[in-house]
Amino acid sequence: MAVEVSDVPEARRYEARVAGESDVAGVAEYLRTAELIAFVHTEVPPEYEGRGVGSALARTALDQARAENLRVLATCPFFAGWIARHPEYQDLLYQARSNVSD
């Protein structure tokens, strides 16, 4: 099953569609700055669960973040769990840095 993912910046989300179907098969909502993208909510309808839609959303969004040199804040539990299971993306994670010395 081919899943096509596209960024829809005006809606602040990535949308996944299964090839040959018109319905949106899943979305990953985000907030973005010039340096950071925060994934805040991912939703895949039950009829598309277990078909690779969520993984396609995560992989496409994270590959694009890497290409654009963005740090990633995974506040969405799905994205956080997905990145934890795919260590090749953990270098993208935003690390808070404090200027205060202890």
PDB file of N, CA and C in Angstrom:
ATOM      1  N   MET A   1       0.847  -1.177   0.000  1.00  0.00           N
ATOM      2  CA  MET A   1       0.000   0.000   0.000  1.00  0.00           C
ATOM      3  C   MET A   1       0.894   1.243   0.000  1.00  0.00           C
ATOM      4  N   ALA A   2       0.732   2.073  -0.983  1.00  0.00           N
ATOM      5  CA  ALA A   2       1.519   3.299  -1.083  1.00  0.00           C
ATOM      6  C   ALA A   2       0.825   4.424  -0.328  1.00  0.00           C
ATOM      7  N   VAL A   3       1.572   5.070   0.540  1.00  0.00           N
ATOM      8  CA  VAL A   3       1.063   6.211   1.299  1.00  0.00           C
ATOM      9  C   VAL A   3       1.802   7.452   0.814  1.00  0.00           C
ATOM     10  N   GLU A   4       1.053   8.450   0.406  1.00  0.00           N
ATOM     11  CA  GLU A   4       1.623   9.706  -0.053  1.00  0.00           C
ATOM     12  C   GLU A   4       1.421  10.756   1.035  1.00  0.00           C
ATOM     13  N   VAL A   5       2.495  11.432   1.406  1.00  0.00           N
ATOM     14  CA  VAL A   5       2.450  12.443   2.469  1.00  0.00           C
ATOM     15  C   VAL A   5       2.845  13.786   1.881  1.00  0.00           C
ATOM     16  N   SER A   6       2.077  14.814   2.226  1.00  0.00           N
ATOM     17  CA  SER A   6       2.410  16.160   1.771  1.00  0.00           C
ATOM     18  C   SER A   6       2.258  17.143   2.925  1.00  0.00           C
ATOM     19  N   ASP A   7       3.104  18.162   2.879  1.00  0.00           N
ATOM     20  CA  ASP A   7       3.036  19.246   3.855  1.00  0.00           C
ATOM     21  C   ASP A   7       1.967  20.224   3.378  1.00  0.00           C
ATOM     22  N   VAL A   8       1.089  20.617   4.299  1.00  0.00           N
ATOM     23  CA  VAL A   8       0.051  21.605   4.000  1.00  0.00           C
ATOM     24  C   VAL A   8       0.280  22.758   4.981  1.00  0.00           C
ATOM     25  N   PRO A   9       1.225  23.653   4.661  1.00  0.00           N
ATOM     26  CA  PRO A   9       1.626  24.694   5.616  1.00  0.00           C
ATOM     27  C   PRO A   9       0.501  25.610   6.057  1.00  0.00           C
ATOM     28  N   GLU A  10      -0.447  25.910   5.173  1.00  0.00           N
ATOM     29  CA  GLU A  10      -1.544  26.801   5.562  1.00  0.00           C
ATOM     30  C   GLU A  10      -2.445  26.164   6.621  1.00  0.00           C
ATOM     31  N   ALA A  11      -2.441  24.841   6.715  1.00  0.00           N
ATOM     32  CA  ALA A  11      -3.201  24.140   7.757  1.00  0.00           C
ATOM     33  C   ALA A  11      -2.296  23.712   8.914  1.00  0.00           C
ATOM     34  N   ARG A  12      -0.993  23.983   8.792  1.00  0.00           N
ATOM     35  CA  ARG A  12       0.015  23.592   9.787  1.00  0.00           C
ATOM     36  C   ARG A  12      -0.060  22.096  10.086  1.00  0.00           C
ATOM     37  N   ARG A  13      -0.019  21.309   9.006  1.00  0.00           N
ATOM     38  CA  ARG A  13      -0.042  19.865   9.204  1.00  0.00           C
ATOM     39  C   ARG A  13       0.448  19.132   7.954  1.00  0.00           C
ATOM     40  N   TYR A  14       0.890  17.915   8.202  1.00  0.00           N
ATOM     41  CA  TYR A  14       1.182  16.986   7.123  1.00  0.00           C
ATOM     42  C   TYR A  14      -0.061  16.131   6.947  1.00  0.00           C
ATOM     43  N   GLU A  15      -0.378  15.802   5.705  1.00  0.00           N
ATOM     44  CA  GLU A  15      -1.523  14.951   5.410  1.00  0.00           C
ATOM     45  C   GLU A  15      -1.046  13.716   4.658  1.00  0.00           C
ATOM     46  N   ALA A  16      -1.594  12.580   5.034  1.00  0.00           N
ATOM     47  CA  ALA A  16      -1.280  11.317   4.362  1.00  0.00           C
ATOM     48  C   ALA A  16      -2.523  10.834   3.623  1.00  0.00           C
ATOM     49  N   ARG A  17      -2.279  10.342   2.430  1.00  0.00           N
ATOM     50  CA  ARG A  17      -3.350   9.737   1.634  1.00  0.00           C
ATOM     51  C   ARG A  17      -2.843   8.407   1.101  1.00  0.00           C
ATOM     52  N   VAL A  18      -3.722   7.439   1.075  1.00  0.00           N
ATOM     53  CA  VAL A  18      -3.399   6.158   0.484  1.00  0.00           C
ATOM     54  C   VAL A  18      -3.632   6.290  -1.023  1.00  0.00           C
ATOM     55  N   ALA A  19      -2.669   5.824  -1.797  1.00  0.00           N
ATOM     56  CA  ALA A  19      -2.760   5.938  -3.257  1.00  0.00           C
ATOM     57  C   ALA A  19      -4.082   5.362  -3.753  1.00  0.00           C
ATOM     58  N   GLY A  20      -4.747   6.131  -4.579  1.00  0.00           N
ATOM     59  CA  GLY A  20      -6.006   5.697  -5.164  1.00  0.00           C
ATOM     60  C   GLY A  20      -7.237   6.033  -4.342  1.00  0.00           C
ATOM     61  N   GLU A  21      -7.042   6.594  -3.149  1.00  0.00           N
ATOM     62  CA  GLU A  21      -8.163   6.963  -2.293  1.00  0.00           C
ATOM     63  C   GLU A  21      -8.144   8.480  -2.083  1.00  0.00           C
ATOM     64  N   SER A  22      -9.328   9.071  -1.986  1.00  0.00           N
ATOM     65  CA  SER A  22      -9.395  10.527  -1.860  1.00  0.00           C
ATOM     66  C   SER A  22      -9.406  11.008  -0.406  1.00  0.00           C
ATOM     67  N   ASP A  23      -9.787  10.152   0.522  1.00  0.00           N
ATOM     68  CA  ASP A  23      -9.859  10.555   1.921  1.00  0.00           C
ATOM     69  C   ASP A  23      -8.471  10.774   2.511  1.00  0.00           C
ATOM     70  N   VAL A  24      -8.394  11.695   3.469  1.00  0.00           N
ATOM     71  CA  VAL A  24      -7.165  11.877   4.228  1.00  0.00           C
ATOM     72  C   VAL A  24      -7.056  10.690   5.184  1.00  0.00           C
ATOM     73  N   ALA A  25      -5.916   9.982   5.103  1.00  0.00           N
ATOM     74  CA  ALA A  25      -5.717   8.779   5.901  1.00  0.00           C
ATOM     75  C   ALA A  25      -5.040   9.065   7.232  1.00  0.00           C
ATOM     76  N   GLY A  26      -4.550  10.288   7.413  1.00  0.00           N
ATOM     77  CA  GLY A  26      -3.915  10.657   8.667  1.00  0.00           C
ATOM     78  C   GLY A  26      -3.332  12.052   8.578  1.00  0.00           C
ATOM     79  N   VAL A  27      -3.150  12.668   9.742  1.00  0.00           N
ATOM     80  CA  VAL A  27      -2.569  14.009   9.811  1.00  0.00           C
ATOM     81  C   VAL A  27      -1.576  14.079  10.966  1.00  0.00           C
ATOM     82  N   ALA A  28      -0.575  14.917  10.784  1.00  0.00           N
ATOM     83  CA  ALA A  28       0.376  15.249  11.842  1.00  0.00           C
ATOM     84  C   ALA A  28       0.404  16.767  11.926  1.00  0.00           C
ATOM     85  N   GLU A  29      -0.154  17.304  13.000  1.00  0.00           N
ATOM     86  CA  GLU A  29      -0.225  18.755  13.174  1.00  0.00           C
ATOM     87  C   GLU A  29       1.054  19.272  13.825  1.00  0.00           C
ATOM     88  N   TYR A  30       1.440  20.480  13.428  1.00  0.00           N
ATOM     89  CA  TYR A  30       2.676  21.043  13.954  1.00  0.00           C
ATOM     90  C   TYR A  30       2.582  22.548  14.149  1.00  0.00           C
ATOM     91  N   LEU A  31       3.514  23.045  14.958  1.00  0.00           N
ATOM     92  CA  LEU A  31       3.791  24.472  15.112  1.00  0.00           C
ATOM     93  C   LEU A  31       5.236  24.643  14.672  1.00  0.00           C
ATOM     94  N   ARG A  32       5.513  25.740  13.978  1.00  0.00           N
ATOM     95  CA  ARG A  32       6.848  25.886  13.408  1.00  0.00           C
ATOM     96  C   ARG A  32       7.382  27.298  13.595  1.00  0.00           C
ATOM     97  N   THR A  33       8.676  27.365  13.879  1.00  0.00           N
ATOM     98  CA  THR A  33       9.415  28.623  13.871  1.00  0.00           C
ATOM     99  C   THR A  33      10.525  28.469  12.828  1.00  0.00           C
ATOM    100  N   ALA A  34      11.374  29.458  12.737  1.00  0.00           N
ATOM    101  CA  ALA A  34      12.475  29.386  11.780  1.00  0.00           C
ATOM    102  C   ALA A  34      13.481  28.297  12.141  1.00  0.00           C
ATOM    103  N   GLU A  35      13.537  27.903  13.418  1.00  0.00           N
ATOM    104  CA  GLU A  35      14.550  26.938  13.866  1.00  0.00           C
ATOM    105  C   GLU A  35      13.986  25.644  14.421  1.00  0.00           C
ATOM    106  N   LEU A  36      12.676  25.582  14.643  1.00  0.00           N
ATOM    107  CA  LEU A  36      12.088  24.462  15.373  1.00  0.00           C
ATOM    108  C   LEU A  36      10.736  24.074  14.784  1.00  0.00           C
ATOM    109  N   ILE A  37      10.467  22.768  14.776  1.00  0.00           N
ATOM    110  CA  ILE A  37       9.136  22.290  14.441  1.00  0.00           C
ATOM    111  C   ILE A  37       8.673  21.408  15.601  1.00  0.00           C
ATOM    112  N   ALA A  38       7.494  21.722  16.125  1.00  0.00           N
ATOM    113  CA  ALA A  38       6.925  20.968  17.239  1.00  0.00           C
ATOM    114  C   ALA A  38       5.737  20.180  16.716  1.00  0.00           C
ATOM    115  N   PHE A  39       5.817  18.865  16.841  1.00  0.00           N
ATOM    116  CA  PHE A  39       4.708  18.004  16.441  1.00  0.00           C
ATOM    117  C   PHE A  39       3.787  17.841  17.643  1.00  0.00           C
ATOM    118  N   VAL A  40       2.556  18.342  17.496  1.00  0.00           N
ATOM    119  CA  VAL A  40       1.660  18.454  18.643  1.00  0.00           C
ATOM    120  C   VAL A  40       0.507  17.448  18.637  1.00  0.00           C
ATOM    121  N   HIS A  41       0.184  16.905  17.476  1.00  0.00           N
ATOM    122  CA  HIS A  41      -0.943  15.959  17.428  1.00  0.00           C
ATOM    123  C   HIS A  41      -0.862  15.151  16.143  1.00  0.00           C
ATOM    124  N   THR A  42      -1.051  13.849  16.276  1.00  0.00           N
ATOM    125  CA  THR A  42      -1.109  12.965  15.119  1.00  0.00           C
ATOM    126  C   THR A  42      -2.390  12.152  15.237  1.00  0.00           C
ATOM    127  N   GLU A  43      -3.082  12.024  14.115  1.00  0.00           N
ATOM    128  CA  GLU A  43      -4.334  11.270  14.128  1.00  0.00           C
ATOM    129  C   GLU A  43      -4.445  10.429  12.859  1.00  0.00           C
ATOM    130  N   VAL A  44      -4.732   9.144  13.059  1.00  0.00           N
ATOM    131  CA  VAL A  44      -4.985   8.215  11.960  1.00  0.00           C
ATOM    132  C   VAL A  44      -6.321   7.543  12.261  1.00  0.00           C
ATOM    133  N   PRO A  45      -7.311   7.682  11.374  1.00  0.00           N
ATOM    134  CA  PRO A  45      -8.608   7.050  11.607  1.00  0.00           C
ATOM    135  C   PRO A  45      -8.461   5.528  11.747  1.00  0.00           C
ATOM    136  N   PRO A  46      -9.345   4.917  12.522  1.00  0.00           N
ATOM    137  CA  PRO A  46      -9.242   3.469  12.772  1.00  0.00           C
ATOM    138  C   PRO A  46      -9.121   2.615  11.509  1.00  0.00           C
ATOM    139  N   GLU A  47      -9.795   3.004  10.454  1.00  0.00           N
ATOM    140  CA  GLU A  47      -9.746   2.183   9.236  1.00  0.00           C
ATOM    141  C   GLU A  47      -8.376   2.201   8.553  1.00  0.00           C
ATOM    142  N   TYR A  48      -7.504   3.137   8.957  1.00  0.00           N
ATOM    143  CA  TYR A  48      -6.162   3.206   8.375  1.00  0.00           C
ATOM    144  C   TYR A  48      -5.078   2.769   9.355  1.00  0.00           C
ATOM    145  N   GLU A  49      -5.439   2.469  10.590  1.00  0.00           N
ATOM    146  CA  GLU A  49      -4.448   2.060  11.580  1.00  0.00           C
ATOM    147  C   GLU A  49      -3.811   0.735  11.171  1.00  0.00           C
ATOM    148  N   GLY A  50      -2.529   0.602  11.483  1.00  0.00           N
ATOM    149  CA  GLY A  50      -1.817  -0.628  11.182  1.00  0.00           C
ATOM    150  C   GLY A  50      -1.436  -0.790   9.719  1.00  0.00           C
ATOM    151  N   ARG A  51      -1.572   0.258   8.959  1.00  0.00           N
ATOM    152  CA  ARG A  51      -1.272   0.191   7.520  1.00  0.00           C
ATOM    153  C   ARG A  51      -0.075   1.061   7.133  1.00  0.00           C
ATOM    154  N   GLY A  52       0.674   1.528   8.121  1.00  0.00           N
ATOM    155  CA  GLY A  52       1.884   2.292   7.851  1.00  0.00           C
ATOM    156  C   GLY A  52       1.676   3.785   7.647  1.00  0.00           C
ATOM    157  N   VAL A  53       0.454   4.261   7.878  1.00  0.00           N
ATOM    158  CA  VAL A  53       0.159   5.674   7.657  1.00  0.00           C
ATOM    159  C   VAL A  53       0.915   6.545   8.657  1.00  0.00           C
ATOM    160  N   GLY A  54       0.856   6.203   9.929  1.00  0.00           N
ATOM    161  CA  GLY A  54       1.544   6.989  10.956  1.00  0.00           C
ATOM    162  C   GLY A  54       3.052   7.016  10.725  1.00  0.00           C
ATOM    163  N   SER A  55       3.616   5.874  10.374  1.00  0.00           N
ATOM    164  CA  SER A  55       5.055   5.817  10.103  1.00  0.00           C
ATOM    165  C   SER A  55       5.425   6.666   8.896  1.00  0.00           C
ATOM    166  N   ALA A  56       4.593   6.639   7.875  1.00  0.00           N
ATOM    167  CA  ALA A  56       4.860   7.467   6.690  1.00  0.00           C
ATOM    168  C   ALA A  56       4.811   8.946   7.046  1.00  0.00           C
ATOM    169  N   LEU A  57       3.838   9.338   7.871  1.00  0.00           N
ATOM    170  CA  LEU A  57       3.767  10.729   8.321  1.00  0.00           C
ATOM    171  C   LEU A  57       5.033  11.120   9.076  1.00  0.00           C
ATOM    172  N   ALA A  58       5.422  10.301  10.038  1.00  0.00           N
ATOM    173  CA  ALA A  58       6.592  10.613  10.860  1.00  0.00           C
ATOM    174  C   ALA A  58       7.858  10.674  10.013  1.00  0.00           C
ATOM    175  N   ARG A  59       8.081   9.664   9.207  1.00  0.00           N
ATOM    176  CA  ARG A  59       9.313   9.608   8.413  1.00  0.00           C
ATOM    177  C   ARG A  59       9.404  10.800   7.447  1.00  0.00           C
ATOM    178  N   THR A  60       8.326  11.103   6.751  1.00  0.00           N
ATOM    179  CA  THR A  60       8.343  12.218   5.801  1.00  0.00           C
ATOM    180  C   THR A  60       8.580  13.543   6.520  1.00  0.00           C
ATOM    181  N   ALA A  61       7.855  13.773   7.605  1.00  0.00           N
ATOM    182  CA  ALA A  61       7.978  15.034   8.344  1.00  0.00           C
ATOM    183  C   ALA A  61       9.381  15.189   8.927  1.00  0.00           C
ATOM    184  N   LEU A  62       9.928  14.115   9.471  1.00  0.00           N
ATOM    185  CA  LEU A  62      11.257  14.194  10.075  1.00  0.00           C
ATOM    186  C   LEU A  62      12.351  14.315   9.025  1.00  0.00           C
ATOM    187  N   ASP A  63      12.183  13.653   7.893  1.00  0.00           N
ATOM    188  CA  ASP A  63      13.153  13.807   6.809  1.00  0.00           C
ATOM    189  C   ASP A  63      13.148  15.248   6.301  1.00  0.00           C
ATOM    190  N   GLN A  64      11.968  15.850   6.228  1.00  0.00           N
ATOM    191  CA  GLN A  64      11.889  17.241   5.784  1.00  0.00           C
ATOM    192  C   GLN A  64      12.505  18.175   6.832  1.00  0.00           C
ATOM    193  N   ALA A  65      12.268  17.895   8.108  1.00  0.00           N
ATOM    194  CA  ALA A  65      12.883  18.700   9.170  1.00  0.00           C
ATOM    195  C   ALA A  65      14.406  18.631   9.059  1.00  0.00           C
ATOM    196  N   ARG A  66      14.935  17.446   8.818  1.00  0.00           N
ATOM    197  CA  ARG A  66      16.384  17.295   8.667  1.00  0.00           C
ATOM    198  C   ARG A  66      16.879  18.096   7.462  1.00  0.00           C
ATOM    199  N   ALA A  67      16.172  17.995   6.353  1.00  0.00           N
ATOM    200  CA  ALA A  67      16.575  18.700   5.136  1.00  0.00           C
ATOM    201  C   ALA A  67      16.568  20.215   5.328  1.00  0.00           C
ATOM    202  N   GLU A  68      15.674  20.701   6.192  1.00  0.00           N
ATOM    203  CA  GLU A  68      15.566  22.139   6.445  1.00  0.00           C
ATOM    204  C   GLU A  68      16.331  22.580   7.684  1.00  0.00           C
ATOM    205  N   ASN A  69      17.102  21.650   8.263  1.00  0.00           N
ATOM    206  CA  ASN A  69      17.942  21.937   9.425  1.00  0.00           C
ATOM    207  C   ASN A  69      17.123  22.446  10.611  1.00  0.00           C
ATOM    208  N   LEU A  70      15.967  21.842  10.842  1.00  0.00           N
ATOM    209  CA  LEU A  70      15.099  22.208  11.963  1.00  0.00           C
ATOM    210  C   LEU A  70      15.311  21.248  13.126  1.00  0.00           C
ATOM    211  N   ARG A  71      15.227  21.764  14.330  1.00  0.00           N
ATOM    212  CA  ARG A  71      15.176  20.928  15.522  1.00  0.00           C
ATOM    213  C   ARG A  71      13.728  20.483  15.700  1.00  0.00           C
ATOM    214  N   VAL A  72      13.545  19.333  16.347  1.00  0.00           N
ATOM    215  CA  VAL A  72      12.222  18.739  16.502  1.00  0.00           C
ATOM    216  C   VAL A  72      11.862  18.662  17.981  1.00  0.00           C
ATOM    217  N   LEU A  73      10.660  19.121  18.294  1.00  0.00           N
ATOM    218  CA  LEU A  73      10.088  18.977  19.626  1.00  0.00           C
ATOM    219  C   LEU A  73       8.877  18.057  19.468  1.00  0.00           C
ATOM    220  N   ALA A  74       8.978  16.873  20.031  1.00  0.00           N
ATOM    221  CA  ALA A  74       7.928  15.865  19.864  1.00  0.00           C
ATOM    222  C   ALA A  74       7.015  15.851  21.087  1.00  0.00           C
ATOM    223  N   THR A  75       6.070  16.790  21.138  1.00  0.00           N
ATOM    224  CA  THR A  75       5.118  16.808  22.249  1.00  0.00           C
ATOM    225  C   THR A  75       3.999  15.808  22.026  1.00  0.00           C
ATOM    226  N   CYS A  76       3.801  15.405  20.801  1.00  0.00           N
ATOM    227  CA  CYS A  76       2.803  14.392  20.460  1.00  0.00           C
ATOM    228  C   CYS A  76       3.343  13.016  20.884  1.00  0.00           C
ATOM    229  N   PRO A  77       2.577  12.254  21.654  1.00  0.00           N
ATOM    230  CA  PRO A  77       3.044  10.936  22.107  1.00  0.00           C
ATOM    231  C   PRO A  77       3.404   9.993  20.954  1.00  0.00           C
ATOM    232  N   PHE A  78       2.680  10.069  19.851  1.00  0.00           N
ATOM    233  CA  PHE A  78       3.006   9.192  18.724  1.00  0.00           C
ATOM    234  C   PHE A  78       4.395   9.518  18.179  1.00  0.00           C
ATOM    235  N   PHE A  79       4.682  10.795  17.939  1.00  0.00           N
ATOM    236  CA  PHE A  79       5.993  11.185  17.419  1.00  0.00           C
ATOM    237  C   PHE A  79       7.092  10.849  18.416  1.00  0.00           C
ATOM    238  N   ALA A  80       6.866  11.115  19.684  1.00  0.00           N
ATOM    239  CA  ALA A  80       7.878  10.812  20.701  1.00  0.00           C
ATOM    240  C   ALA A  80       8.200   9.315  20.709  1.00  0.00           C
ATOM    241  N   GLY A  81       7.173   8.484  20.680  1.00  0.00           N
ATOM    242  CA  GLY A  81       7.377   7.031  20.667  1.00  0.00           C
ATOM    243  C   GLY A  81       8.045   6.557  19.390  1.00  0.00           C
ATOM    244  N   TRP A  82       7.652   7.134  18.263  1.00  0.00           N
ATOM    245  CA  TRP A  82       8.213   6.729  16.978  1.00  0.00           C
ATOM    246  C   TRP A  82       9.701   7.053  16.931  1.00  0.00           C
ATOM    247  N   ILE A  83      10.065   8.252  17.376  1.00  0.00           N
ATOM    248  CA  ILE A  83      11.475   8.638  17.389  1.00  0.00           C
ATOM    249  C   ILE A  83      12.260   7.750  18.355  1.00  0.00           C
ATOM    250  N   ALA A  84      11.678   7.398  19.481  1.00  0.00           N
ATOM    251  CA  ALA A  84      12.357   6.517  20.440  1.00  0.00           C
ATOM    252  C   ALA A  84      12.668   5.156  19.810  1.00  0.00           C
ATOM    253  N   ARG A  85      11.796   4.693  18.912  1.00  0.00           N
ATOM    254  CA  ARG A  85      11.997   3.396  18.255  1.00  0.00           C
ATOM    255  C   ARG A  85      12.875   3.505  17.003  1.00  0.00           C
ATOM    256  N   HIS A  86      13.202   4.713  16.586  1.00  0.00           N
ATOM    257  CA  HIS A  86      14.017   4.929  15.386  1.00  0.00           C
ATOM    258  C   HIS A  86      15.185   5.855  15.744  1.00  0.00           C
ATOM    259  N   PRO A  87      16.240   5.289  16.311  1.00  0.00           N
ATOM    260  CA  PRO A  87      17.344   6.108  16.817  1.00  0.00           C
ATOM    261  C   PRO A  87      18.017   6.979  15.760  1.00  0.00           C
ATOM    262  N   GLU A  88      17.852   6.641  14.488  1.00  0.00           N
ATOM    263  CA  GLU A  88      18.477   7.450  13.442  1.00  0.00           C
ATOM    264  C   GLU A  88      17.872   8.852  13.344  1.00  0.00           C
ATOM    265  N   TYR A  89      16.769   9.097  14.068  1.00  0.00           N
ATOM    266  CA  TYR A  89      16.140  10.422  14.078  1.00  0.00           C
ATOM    267  C   TYR A  89      16.334  11.172  15.397  1.00  0.00           C
ATOM    268  N   GLN A  90      16.951  10.531  16.379  1.00  0.00           N
ATOM    269  CA  GLN A  90      17.066  11.154  17.696  1.00  0.00           C
ATOM    270  C   GLN A  90      17.976  12.381  17.705  1.00  0.00           C
ATOM    271  N   ASP A  91      18.863  12.493  16.733  1.00  0.00           N
ATOM    272  CA  ASP A  91      19.737  13.671  16.665  1.00  0.00           C
ATOM    273  C   ASP A  91      18.963  14.938  16.325  1.00  0.00           C
ATOM    274  N   LEU A  92      17.741  14.803  15.825  1.00  0.00           N
ATOM    275  CA  LEU A  92      16.914  15.960  15.488  1.00  0.00           C
ATOM    276  C   LEU A  92      16.256  16.603  16.702  1.00  0.00           C
ATOM    277  N   LEU A  93      16.177  15.858  17.805  1.00  0.00           N
ATOM    278  CA  LEU A  93      15.418  16.328  18.957  1.00  0.00           C
ATOM    279  C   LEU A  93      16.006  17.599  19.555  1.00  0.00           C
ATOM    280  N   TYR A  94      15.107  18.502  19.860  1.00  0.00           N
ATOM    281  CA  TYR A  94      15.457  19.767  20.506  1.00  0.00           C
ATOM    282  C   TYR A  94      15.956  19.497  21.908  1.00  0.00           C
ATOM    283  N   GLN A  95      17.060  20.111  22.246  1.00  0.00           N
ATOM    284  CA  GLN A  95      17.607  20.019  23.597  1.00  0.00           C
ATOM    285  C   GLN A  95      17.614  21.416  24.189  1.00  0.00           C
ATOM    286  N   ALA A  96      16.852  21.605  25.265  1.00  0.00           N
ATOM    287  CA  ALA A  96      16.843  22.921  25.928  1.00  0.00           C
ATOM    288  C   ALA A  96      18.218  23.184  26.497  1.00  0.00           C
ATOM    289  N   ARG A  97      18.682  24.383  26.287  1.00  0.00           N
ATOM    290  CA  ARG A  97      19.986  24.784  26.820  1.00  0.00           C
ATOM    291  C   ARG A  97      19.785  26.015  27.692  1.00  0.00           C
ATOM    292  N   SER A  98      20.350  25.943  28.856  1.00  0.00           N
ATOM    293  CA  SER A  98      20.250  27.049  29.788  1.00  0.00           C
ATOM    294  C   SER A  98      21.557  27.840  29.775  1.00  0.00           C
ATOM    295  N   ASN A  99      21.424  29.142  29.875  1.00  0.00           N
ATOM    296  CA  ASN A  99      22.607  30.001  29.961  1.00  0.00           C
ATOM    297  C   ASN A  99      23.037  30.215  31.405  1.00  0.00           C
ATOM    298  N   VAL A 100      22.298  29.653  32.328  1.00  0.00           N
ATOM    299  CA  VAL A 100      22.581  29.842  33.742  1.00  0.00           C
ATOM    300  C   VAL A 100      23.566  28.768  34.201  1.00  0.00           C
ATOM    301  N   SER A 101      24.635  29.175  34.874  1.00  0.00           N
ATOM    302  CA  SER A 101      25.614  28.218  35.406  1.00  0.00           C
ATOM    303  C   SER A 101      25.206  27.819  36.801  1.00  0.00           C
ATOM    304  N   ASP A 102      25.457  26.563  37.127  1.00  0.00           N
ATOM    305  CA  ASP A 102      25.164  26.062  38.477  1.00  0.00           C
ATOM    306  C   ASP A 102      26.290  26.387  39.427  1.00  0.00           C
TER     307      ASP A 102
END
